[in-house]
Amino acid sequence: MDNLREKRELYNGFGNALSRAFELVVTPLIFGLGGHLLDGALGTGPAFTIVLVVVCLAGMFARFWYAYDAEMRAHDRAAPWGRGAGSS
């Protein structure tokens, strides 16, 4: 039974990593494409492409940072050395 649980956790980890990798690649591409189309329509050079990709990367970094921090706090609360659910 423990072997099945370990495999499930392993497969969930692979799935989470694949979805994050896909998100890290596809999201900036979508923003870059949108910026490129906007630049083409307005004739502004690569200004909107660069701005949208940088804003996208900054937002993704913040999202991943806060999600990781929340996951680690929850992991620490559940661990034997954790202070319980009442602490912050």
PDB file of N, CA and C in Angstrom:
ATOM      1  N   MET A   1       0.819  -1.197   0.000  1.00  0.00           N
ATOM      2  CA  MET A   1       0.000   0.000   0.000  1.00  0.00           C
ATOM      3  C   MET A   1       0.862   1.259   0.000  1.00  0.00           C
ATOM      4  N   ASP A   2       1.970   1.239   0.758  1.00  0.00           N
ATOM      5  CA  ASP A   2       2.866   2.390   0.782  1.00  0.00           C
ATOM      6  C   ASP A   2       3.518   2.607  -0.575  1.00  0.00           C
ATOM      7  N   ASN A   3       3.780   1.495  -1.284  1.00  0.00           N
ATOM      8  CA  ASN A   3       4.391   1.601  -2.600  1.00  0.00           C
ATOM      9  C   ASN A   3       3.468   2.335  -3.569  1.00  0.00           C
ATOM     10  N   LEU A   4       2.171   2.060  -3.495  1.00  0.00           N
ATOM     11  CA  LEU A   4       1.213   2.759  -4.355  1.00  0.00           C
ATOM     12  C   LEU A   4       1.147   4.243  -4.016  1.00  0.00           C
ATOM     13  N   ARG A   5       1.200   4.563  -2.736  1.00  0.00           N
ATOM     14  CA  ARG A   5       1.165   5.958  -2.308  1.00  0.00           C
ATOM     15  C   ARG A   5       2.414   6.695  -2.787  1.00  0.00           C
ATOM     16  N   GLU A   6       3.564   6.046  -2.688  1.00  0.00           N
ATOM     17  CA  GLU A   6       4.812   6.665  -3.156  1.00  0.00           C
ATOM     18  C   GLU A   6       4.781   6.892  -4.663  1.00  0.00           C
ATOM     19  N   LYS A   7       4.267   5.913  -5.401  1.00  0.00           N
ATOM     20  CA  LYS A   7       4.165   6.082  -6.857  1.00  0.00           C
ATOM     21  C   LYS A   7       3.211   7.209  -7.214  1.00  0.00           C
ATOM     22  N   ARG A   8       2.103   7.294  -6.495  1.00  0.00           N
ATOM     23  CA  ARG A   8       1.132   8.354  -6.763  1.00  0.00           C
ATOM     24  C   ARG A   8       1.765   9.723  -6.509  1.00  0.00           C
ATOM     25  N   GLU A   9       2.493   9.857  -5.421  1.00  0.00           N
ATOM     26  CA  GLU A   9       3.169  11.117  -5.125  1.00  0.00           C
ATOM     27  C   GLU A   9       4.215  11.442  -6.180  1.00  0.00           C
ATOM     28  N   LEU A  10       4.929  10.416  -6.639  1.00  0.00           N
ATOM     29  CA  LEU A  10       5.938  10.619  -7.678  1.00  0.00           C
ATOM     30  C   LEU A  10       5.292  11.083  -8.970  1.00  0.00           C
ATOM     31  N   TYR A  11       4.215  10.420  -9.373  1.00  0.00           N
ATOM     32  CA  TYR A  11       3.532  10.800 -10.604  1.00  0.00           C
ATOM     33  C   TYR A  11       2.903  12.188 -10.492  1.00  0.00           C
ATOM     34  N   ASN A  12       2.360  12.520  -9.332  1.00  0.00           N
ATOM     35  CA  ASN A  12       1.829  13.864  -9.124  1.00  0.00           C
ATOM     36  C   ASN A  12       2.940  14.905  -9.221  1.00  0.00           C
ATOM     37  N   GLY A  13       4.114  14.573  -8.704  1.00  0.00           N
ATOM     38  CA  GLY A  13       5.256  15.479  -8.814  1.00  0.00           C
ATOM     39  C   GLY A  13       5.664  15.692 -10.259  1.00  0.00           C
ATOM     40  N   PHE A  14       5.681  14.612 -11.045  1.00  0.00           N
ATOM     41  CA  PHE A  14       6.004  14.743 -12.472  1.00  0.00           C
ATOM     42  C   PHE A  14       4.965  15.607 -13.182  1.00  0.00           C
ATOM     43  N   GLY A  15       3.706  15.387 -12.866  1.00  0.00           N
ATOM     44  CA  GLY A  15       2.639  16.175 -13.491  1.00  0.00           C
ATOM     45  C   GLY A  15       2.725  17.649 -13.130  1.00  0.00           C
ATOM     46  N   ASN A  16       3.005  17.932 -11.860  1.00  0.00           N
ATOM     47  CA  ASN A  16       3.150  19.325 -11.437  1.00  0.00           C
ATOM     48  C   ASN A  16       4.341  19.989 -12.119  1.00  0.00           C
ATOM     49  N   ALA A  17       5.445  19.278 -12.211  1.00  0.00           N
ATOM     50  CA  ALA A  17       6.630  19.839 -12.860  1.00  0.00           C
ATOM     51  C   ALA A  17       6.389  20.085 -14.339  1.00  0.00           C
ATOM     52  N   LEU A  18       5.703  19.162 -15.002  1.00  0.00           N
ATOM     53  CA  LEU A  18       5.410  19.341 -16.423  1.00  0.00           C
ATOM     54  C   LEU A  18       4.478  20.522 -16.648  1.00  0.00           C
ATOM     55  N   SER A  19       3.469  20.672 -15.805  1.00  0.00           N
ATOM     56  CA  SER A  19       2.546  21.794 -15.980  1.00  0.00           C
ATOM     57  C   SER A  19       3.236  23.125 -15.716  1.00  0.00           C
ATOM     58  N   ARG A  20       4.134  23.178 -14.740  1.00  0.00           N
ATOM     59  CA  ARG A  20       4.870  24.418 -14.483  1.00  0.00           C
ATOM     60  C   ARG A  20       5.842  24.734 -15.614  1.00  0.00           C
ATOM     61  N   ALA A  21       6.499  23.725 -16.142  1.00  0.00           N
ATOM     62  CA  ALA A  21       7.409  23.945 -17.270  1.00  0.00           C
ATOM     63  C   ALA A  21       6.642  24.454 -18.487  1.00  0.00           C
ATOM     64  N   PHE A  22       5.504  23.856 -18.752  1.00  0.00           N
ATOM     65  CA  PHE A  22       4.670  24.289 -19.868  1.00  0.00           C
ATOM     66  C   PHE A  22       4.230  25.735 -19.668  1.00  0.00           C
ATOM     67  N   GLU A  23       3.834  26.060 -18.453  1.00  0.00           N
ATOM     68  CA  GLU A  23       3.404  27.427 -18.144  1.00  0.00           C
ATOM     69  C   GLU A  23       4.556  28.414 -18.296  1.00  0.00           C
ATOM     70  N   LEU A  24       5.758  28.033 -17.876  1.00  0.00           N
ATOM     71  CA  LEU A  24       6.920  28.917 -17.993  1.00  0.00           C
ATOM     72  C   LEU A  24       7.290  29.202 -19.438  1.00  0.00           C
ATOM     73  N   VAL A  25       6.996  28.287 -20.342  1.00  0.00           N
ATOM     74  CA  VAL A  25       7.343  28.474 -21.752  1.00  0.00           C
ATOM     75  C   VAL A  25       6.209  29.142 -22.517  1.00  0.00           C
ATOM     76  N   VAL A  26       4.997  28.659 -22.346  1.00  0.00           N
ATOM     77  CA  VAL A  26       3.889  29.096 -23.187  1.00  0.00           C
ATOM     78  C   VAL A  26       3.387  30.498 -22.818  1.00  0.00           C
ATOM     79  N   THR A  27       3.320  30.821 -21.549  1.00  0.00           N
ATOM     80  CA  THR A  27       2.768  32.118 -21.151  1.00  0.00           C
ATOM     81  C   THR A  27       3.571  33.293 -21.706  1.00  0.00           C
ATOM     82  N   PRO A  28       4.904  33.316 -21.569  1.00  0.00           N
ATOM     83  CA  PRO A  28       5.639  34.429 -22.188  1.00  0.00           C
ATOM     84  C   PRO A  28       5.521  34.445 -23.714  1.00  0.00           C
ATOM     85  N   LEU A  29       5.406  33.272 -24.330  1.00  0.00           N
ATOM     86  CA  LEU A  29       5.212  33.242 -25.779  1.00  0.00           C
ATOM     87  C   LEU A  29       3.892  33.893 -26.178  1.00  0.00           C
ATOM     88  N   ILE A  30       2.851  33.629 -25.424  1.00  0.00           N
ATOM     89  CA  ILE A  30       1.549  34.231 -25.724  1.00  0.00           C
ATOM     90  C   ILE A  30       1.613  35.748 -25.543  1.00  0.00           C
ATOM     91  N   PHE A  31       2.220  36.190 -24.441  1.00  0.00           N
ATOM     92  CA  PHE A  31       2.353  37.630 -24.220  1.00  0.00           C
ATOM     93  C   PHE A  31       3.236  38.263 -25.288  1.00  0.00           C
ATOM     94  N   GLY A  32       4.323  37.583 -25.657  1.00  0.00           N
ATOM     95  CA  GLY A  32       5.202  38.101 -26.705  1.00  0.00           C
ATOM     96  C   GLY A  32       4.497  38.185 -28.047  1.00  0.00           C
ATOM     97  N   LEU A  33       3.704  37.180 -28.371  1.00  0.00           N
ATOM     98  CA  LEU A  33       2.948  37.206 -29.619  1.00  0.00           C
ATOM     99  C   LEU A  33       1.926  38.339 -29.614  1.00  0.00           C
ATOM    100  N   GLY A  34       1.255  38.518 -28.499  1.00  0.00           N
ATOM    101  CA  GLY A  34       0.310  39.632 -28.384  1.00  0.00           C
ATOM    102  C   GLY A  34       1.000  40.976 -28.540  1.00  0.00           C
ATOM    103  N   GLY A  35       2.166  41.116 -27.917  1.00  0.00           N
ATOM    104  CA  GLY A  35       2.933  42.351 -28.060  1.00  0.00           C
ATOM    105  C   GLY A  35       3.410  42.560 -29.481  1.00  0.00           C
ATOM    106  N   HIS A  36       3.818  41.486 -30.138  1.00  0.00           N
ATOM    107  CA  HIS A  36       4.274  41.574 -31.525  1.00  0.00           C
ATOM    108  C   HIS A  36       3.126  42.011 -32.446  1.00  0.00           C
ATOM    109  N   LEU A  37       1.952  41.443 -32.236  1.00  0.00           N
ATOM    110  CA  LEU A  37       0.794  41.834 -33.039  1.00  0.00           C
ATOM    111  C   LEU A  37       0.403  43.287 -32.773  1.00  0.00           C
ATOM    112  N   LEU A  38       0.478  43.693 -31.520  1.00  0.00           N
ATOM    113  CA  LEU A  38       0.170  45.079 -31.163  1.00  0.00           C
ATOM    114  C   LEU A  38       1.203  46.032 -31.767  1.00  0.00           C
ATOM    115  N   ASP A  39       2.472  45.654 -31.722  1.00  0.00           N
ATOM    116  CA  ASP A  39       3.523  46.465 -32.339  1.00  0.00           C
ATOM    117  C   ASP A  39       3.306  46.583 -33.843  1.00  0.00           C
ATOM    118  N   GLY A  40       2.931  45.498 -34.477  1.00  0.00           N
ATOM    119  CA  GLY A  40       2.686  45.528 -35.919  1.00  0.00           C
ATOM    120  C   GLY A  40       1.512  46.422 -36.280  1.00  0.00           C
ATOM    121  N   ALA A  41       0.469  46.390 -35.451  1.00  0.00           N
ATOM    122  CA  ALA A  41      -0.713  47.203 -35.728  1.00  0.00           C
ATOM    123  C   ALA A  41      -0.441  48.688 -35.498  1.00  0.00           C
ATOM    124  N   LEU A  42       0.398  48.993 -34.499  1.00  0.00           N
ATOM    125  CA  LEU A  42       0.657  50.392 -34.163  1.00  0.00           C
ATOM    126  C   LEU A  42       1.947  50.926 -34.774  1.00  0.00           C
ATOM    127  N   GLY A  43       2.790  50.040 -35.300  1.00  0.00           N
ATOM    128  CA  GLY A  43       4.057  50.456 -35.889  1.00  0.00           C
ATOM    129  C   GLY A  43       5.036  51.008 -34.873  1.00  0.00           C
ATOM    130  N   THR A  44       5.115  50.404 -33.716  1.00  0.00           N
ATOM    131  CA  THR A  44       5.958  50.924 -32.637  1.00  0.00           C
ATOM    132  C   THR A  44       7.269  50.177 -32.456  1.00  0.00           C
ATOM    133  N   GLY A  45       7.635  49.306 -33.351  1.00  0.00           N
ATOM    134  CA  GLY A  45       8.856  48.512 -33.147  1.00  0.00           C
ATOM    135  C   GLY A  45       8.601  47.439 -32.111  1.00  0.00           C
ATOM    136  N   PRO A  46       9.628  47.005 -31.406  1.00  0.00           N
ATOM    137  CA  PRO A  46       9.435  45.919 -30.434  1.00  0.00           C
ATOM    138  C   PRO A  46       9.054  46.383 -29.028  1.00  0.00           C
ATOM    139  N   ALA A  47       8.550  47.586 -28.883  1.00  0.00           N
ATOM    140  CA  ALA A  47       8.281  48.142 -27.551  1.00  0.00           C
ATOM    141  C   ALA A  47       7.267  47.306 -26.763  1.00  0.00           C
ATOM    142  N   PHE A  48       6.102  47.063 -27.333  1.00  0.00           N
ATOM    143  CA  PHE A  48       5.066  46.318 -26.613  1.00  0.00           C
ATOM    144  C   PHE A  48       5.462  44.861 -26.394  1.00  0.00           C
ATOM    145  N   THR A  49       6.197  44.297 -27.328  1.00  0.00           N
ATOM    146  CA  THR A  49       6.652  42.909 -27.167  1.00  0.00           C
ATOM    147  C   THR A  49       7.538  42.793 -25.943  1.00  0.00           C
ATOM    148  N   ILE A  50       8.508  43.684 -25.831  1.00  0.00           N
ATOM    149  CA  ILE A  50       9.441  43.639 -24.696  1.00  0.00           C
ATOM    150  C   ILE A  50       8.709  43.917 -23.388  1.00  0.00           C
ATOM    151  N   VAL A  51       7.874  44.938 -23.372  1.00  0.00           N
ATOM    152  CA  VAL A  51       7.169  45.306 -22.143  1.00  0.00           C
ATOM    153  C   VAL A  51       6.252  44.180 -21.679  1.00  0.00           C
ATOM    154  N   LEU A  52       5.495  43.613 -22.597  1.00  0.00           N
ATOM    155  CA  LEU A  52       4.562  42.547 -22.196  1.00  0.00           C
ATOM    156  C   LEU A  52       5.288  41.296 -21.718  1.00  0.00           C
ATOM    157  N   VAL A  53       6.389  40.938 -22.354  1.00  0.00           N
ATOM    158  CA  VAL A  53       7.140  39.759 -21.907  1.00  0.00           C
ATOM    159  C   VAL A  53       7.757  40.008 -20.540  1.00  0.00           C
ATOM    160  N   VAL A  54       8.309  41.193 -20.305  1.00  0.00           N
ATOM    161  CA  VAL A  54       8.910  41.503 -18.999  1.00  0.00           C
ATOM    162  C   VAL A  54       7.842  41.515 -17.907  1.00  0.00           C
ATOM    163  N   VAL A  55       6.692  42.120 -18.181  1.00  0.00           N
ATOM    164  CA  VAL A  55       5.601  42.133 -17.196  1.00  0.00           C
ATOM    165  C   VAL A  55       5.122  40.710 -16.921  1.00  0.00           C
ATOM    166  N   CYS A  56       5.022  39.913 -17.956  1.00  0.00           N
ATOM    167  CA  CYS A  56       4.612  38.516 -17.800  1.00  0.00           C
ATOM    168  C   CYS A  56       5.599  37.748 -16.917  1.00  0.00           C
ATOM    169  N   LEU A  57       6.888  37.896 -17.192  1.00  0.00           N
ATOM    170  CA  LEU A  57       7.900  37.182 -16.406  1.00  0.00           C
ATOM    171  C   LEU A  57       7.909  37.647 -14.956  1.00  0.00           C
ATOM    172  N   ALA A  58       7.740  38.941 -14.725  1.00  0.00           N
ATOM    173  CA  ALA A  58       7.697  39.451 -13.355  1.00  0.00           C
ATOM    174  C   ALA A  58       6.483  38.891 -12.609  1.00  0.00           C
ATOM    175  N   GLY A  59       5.337  38.869 -13.266  1.00  0.00           N
ATOM    176  CA  GLY A  59       4.137  38.315 -12.642  1.00  0.00           C
ATOM    177  C   GLY A  59       4.259  36.832 -12.350  1.00  0.00           C
ATOM    178  N   MET A  60       4.865  36.102 -13.284  1.00  0.00           N
ATOM    179  CA  MET A  60       5.052  34.661 -13.071  1.00  0.00           C
ATOM    180  C   MET A  60       6.030  34.406 -11.930  1.00  0.00           C
ATOM    181  N   PHE A  61       7.097  35.199 -11.862  1.00  0.00           N
ATOM    182  CA  PHE A  61       8.053  35.052 -10.767  1.00  0.00           C
ATOM    183  C   PHE A  61       7.359  35.277  -9.427  1.00  0.00           C
ATOM    184  N   ALA A  62       6.551  36.348  -9.327  1.00  0.00           N
ATOM    185  CA  ALA A  62       5.845  36.631  -8.077  1.00  0.00           C
ATOM    186  C   ALA A  62       4.869  35.509  -7.737  1.00  0.00           C
ATOM    187  N   ARG A  63       4.171  35.013  -8.732  1.00  0.00           N
ATOM    188  CA  ARG A  63       3.202  33.937  -8.495  1.00  0.00           C
ATOM    189  C   ARG A  63       3.895  32.676  -7.990  1.00  0.00           C
ATOM    190  N   PHE A  64       4.986  32.288  -8.660  1.00  0.00           N
ATOM    191  CA  PHE A  64       5.709  31.097  -8.232  1.00  0.00           C
ATOM    192  C   PHE A  64       6.326  31.292  -6.852  1.00  0.00           C
ATOM    193  N   TRP A  65       6.826  32.485  -6.572  1.00  0.00           N
ATOM    194  CA  TRP A  65       7.451  32.773  -5.278  1.00  0.00           C
ATOM    195  C   TRP A  65       6.432  32.612  -4.153  1.00  0.00           C
ATOM    196  N   TYR A  66       5.273  33.260  -4.291  1.00  0.00           N
ATOM    197  CA  TYR A  66       4.276  33.197  -3.231  1.00  0.00           C
ATOM    198  C   TYR A  66       3.652  31.810  -3.109  1.00  0.00           C
ATOM    199  N   ALA A  67       3.478  31.109  -4.205  1.00  0.00           N
ATOM    200  CA  ALA A  67       2.938  29.748  -4.142  1.00  0.00           C
ATOM    201  C   ALA A  67       3.925  28.815  -3.432  1.00  0.00           C
ATOM    202  N   TYR A  68       5.213  28.948  -3.757  1.00  0.00           N
ATOM    203  CA  TYR A  68       6.227  28.129  -3.102  1.00  0.00           C
ATOM    204  C   TYR A  68       6.281  28.437  -1.607  1.00  0.00           C
ATOM    205  N   ASP A  69       6.237  29.710  -1.271  1.00  0.00           N
ATOM    206  CA  ASP A  69       6.280  30.099   0.136  1.00  0.00           C
ATOM    207  C   ASP A  69       5.084  29.522   0.892  1.00  0.00           C
ATOM    208  N   ALA A  70       3.907  29.584   0.308  1.00  0.00           N
ATOM    209  CA  ALA A  70       2.711  29.034   0.960  1.00  0.00           C
ATOM    210  C   ALA A  70       2.807  27.517   1.107  1.00  0.00           C
ATOM    211  N   GLU A  71       3.329  26.833   0.073  1.00  0.00           N
ATOM    212  CA  GLU A  71       3.496  25.378   0.158  1.00  0.00           C
ATOM    213  C   GLU A  71       4.479  24.992   1.256  1.00  0.00           C
ATOM    214  N   MET A  72       5.566  25.730   1.375  1.00  0.00           N
ATOM    215  CA  MET A  72       6.563  25.407   2.396  1.00  0.00           C
ATOM    216  C   MET A  72       6.050  25.707   3.797  1.00  0.00           C
ATOM    217  N   ARG A  73       5.271  26.766   3.940  1.00  0.00           N
ATOM    218  CA  ARG A  73       4.676  27.054   5.253  1.00  0.00           C
ATOM    219  C   ARG A  73       3.700  25.952   5.650  1.00  0.00           C
ATOM    220  N   ALA A  74       2.891  25.486   4.713  1.00  0.00           N
ATOM    221  CA  ALA A  74       1.952  24.400   5.004  1.00  0.00           C
ATOM    222  C   ALA A  74       2.709  23.117   5.331  1.00  0.00           C
ATOM    223  N   HIS A  75       3.784  22.854   4.601  1.00  0.00           N
ATOM    224  CA  HIS A  75       4.600  21.667   4.864  1.00  0.00           C
ATOM    225  C   HIS A  75       5.219  21.744   6.261  1.00  0.00           C
ATOM    226  N   ASP A  76       5.724  22.904   6.638  1.00  0.00           N
ATOM    227  CA  ASP A  76       6.326  23.058   7.958  1.00  0.00           C
ATOM    228  C   ASP A  76       5.300  22.932   9.068  1.00  0.00           C
ATOM    229  N   ARG A  77       4.085  23.442   8.849  1.00  0.00           N
ATOM    230  CA  ARG A  77       3.040  23.306   9.871  1.00  0.00           C
ATOM    231  C   ARG A  77       2.653  21.850  10.073  1.00  0.00           C
ATOM    232  N   ALA A  78       2.677  21.060   8.998  1.00  0.00           N
ATOM    233  CA  ALA A  78       2.283  19.653   9.095  1.00  0.00           C
ATOM    234  C   ALA A  78       3.417  18.774   9.620  1.00  0.00           C
ATOM    235  N   ALA A  79       4.629  19.276   9.618  1.00  0.00           N
ATOM    236  CA  ALA A  79       5.787  18.481  10.042  1.00  0.00           C
ATOM    237  C   ALA A  79       5.828  18.371  11.560  1.00  0.00           C
ATOM    238  N   PRO A  80       6.531  17.372  12.073  1.00  0.00           N
ATOM    239  CA  PRO A  80       6.623  17.203  13.541  1.00  0.00           C
ATOM    240  C   PRO A  80       7.224  18.413  14.238  1.00  0.00           C
ATOM    241  N   TRP A  81       8.093  19.159  13.548  1.00  0.00           N
ATOM    242  CA  TRP A  81       8.707  20.324  14.174  1.00  0.00           C
ATOM    243  C   TRP A  81       7.860  21.579  14.006  1.00  0.00           C
ATOM    244  N   GLY A  82       6.727  21.456  13.329  1.00  0.00           N
ATOM    245  CA  GLY A  82       5.858  22.601  13.099  1.00  0.00           C
ATOM    246  C   GLY A  82       5.190  23.063  14.397  1.00  0.00           C
ATOM    247  N   ARG A  83       4.749  24.275  14.380  1.00  0.00           N
ATOM    248  CA  ARG A  83       4.137  24.856  15.570  1.00  0.00           C
ATOM    249  C   ARG A  83       2.636  24.700  15.598  1.00  0.00           C
ATOM    250  N   GLY A  84       2.086  23.986  14.605  1.00  0.00           N
ATOM    251  CA  GLY A  84       0.645  23.778  14.588  1.00  0.00           C
ATOM    252  C   GLY A  84      -0.044  24.779  13.683  1.00  0.00           C
ATOM    253  N   ALA A  85      -1.336  24.599  13.507  1.00  0.00           N
ATOM    254  CA  ALA A  85      -2.099  25.425  12.560  1.00  0.00           C
ATOM    255  C   ALA A  85      -2.381  26.816  13.108  1.00  0.00           C
ATOM    256  N   GLY A  86      -2.261  27.025  14.418  1.00  0.00           N
ATOM    257  CA  GLY A  86      -2.596  28.316  14.998  1.00  0.00           C
ATOM    258  C   GLY A  86      -1.524  29.365  14.848  1.00  0.00           C
ATOM    259  N   SER A  87      -0.321  28.987  14.479  1.00  0.00           N
ATOM    260  CA  SER A  87       0.767  29.972  14.381  1.00  0.00           C
ATOM    261  C   SER A  87       0.909  30.490  12.965  1.00  0.00           C
ATOM    262  N   SER A  88       1.626  31.593  12.843  1.00  0.00           N
ATOM    263  CA  SER A  88       1.813  32.194  11.521  1.00  0.00           C
ATOM    264  C   SER A  88       3.219  32.163  11.139  1.00  0.00           C
TER     265      SER A  88
END
